[in-house]
Amino acid sequence: MLGWALMFFIFALVAGIFGFMGIASAMAGIAKVLFVIFVVLFLASLILGRRKA
């Protein structure tokens, strides 16, 4: 999922360079959402992974 966030971030940068502001902001928003989901899932796996069964 972090890969998807990075991919959308790179697409947003490229679109911003070429001046497509609507596309750049949409892709940057998607990248932010995916990054937050990745961080939440990562922290959950750390917390739940430390518990013994």
Protein backbone atom coordinates (compact mmCIF):
# COMPACT_ATOMS: atom_id res chain seq x y z
CA MET A 1 0.00 0.00 0.00
CA LEU A 2 2.93 2.31 0.63
CA GLY A 3 3.99 1.64 -2.94
CA TRP A 4 0.62 2.85 -4.21
CA ALA A 5 0.90 6.01 -2.10
CA LEU A 6 4.37 6.69 -3.48
CA MET A 7 3.19 6.03 -7.04
CA PHE A 8 0.30 8.52 -6.71
CA PHE A 9 2.70 11.03 -5.13
CA ILE A 10 5.06 10.75 -8.10
CA PHE A 11 2.14 11.07 -10.53
CA ALA A 12 0.99 14.17 -8.65
CA LEU A 13 4.45 15.71 -8.93
CA VAL A 14 4.64 14.98 -12.66
CA ALA A 15 1.14 16.35 -13.23
CA GLY A 16 2.03 19.44 -11.20
CA ILE A 17 5.12 20.03 -13.33
CA PHE A 18 3.03 19.94 -16.48
CA GLY A 19 0.42 22.28 -14.98
CA PHE A 20 -2.56 19.97 -14.51
CA MET A 21 -3.54 21.32 -11.11
CA GLY A 22 -6.84 19.46 -10.79
CA ILE A 23 -5.21 16.12 -11.54
CA ALA A 24 -2.23 16.88 -9.29
CA SER A 25 -4.41 17.75 -6.30
CA ALA A 26 -6.58 14.67 -6.80
CA MET A 27 -3.58 12.35 -6.95
CA ALA A 28 -1.96 14.05 -3.97
CA GLY A 29 -5.17 13.52 -2.00
CA ILE A 30 -5.25 9.84 -2.92
CA ALA A 31 -1.59 9.50 -1.91
CA LYS A 32 -2.29 11.12 1.47
CA VAL A 33 -5.23 8.82 2.17
CA LEU A 34 -3.29 5.70 1.20
CA PHE A 35 -0.33 6.80 3.33
CA VAL A 36 -2.54 7.31 6.39
CA ILE A 37 -4.14 3.89 5.87
CA PHE A 38 -0.67 2.34 5.57
CA VAL A 39 0.51 3.97 8.80
CA VAL A 40 -2.61 2.86 10.71
CA LEU A 41 -2.27 -0.73 9.48
CA PHE A 42 1.46 -0.72 10.28
CA LEU A 43 0.87 0.50 13.84
CA ALA A 44 -1.94 -2.03 14.32
CA SER A 45 0.32 -4.85 13.17
CA LEU A 46 3.03 -3.71 15.57
CA ILE A 47 0.64 -3.60 18.52
CA LEU A 48 -1.15 -6.85 17.71
CA GLY A 49 2.09 -8.62 16.75
CA ARG A 50 3.58 -8.10 20.21
CA ARG A 51 0.71 -9.86 21.98
CA LYS A 52 1.23 -13.53 22.71
CA ALA A 53 -1.48 -15.92 21.59
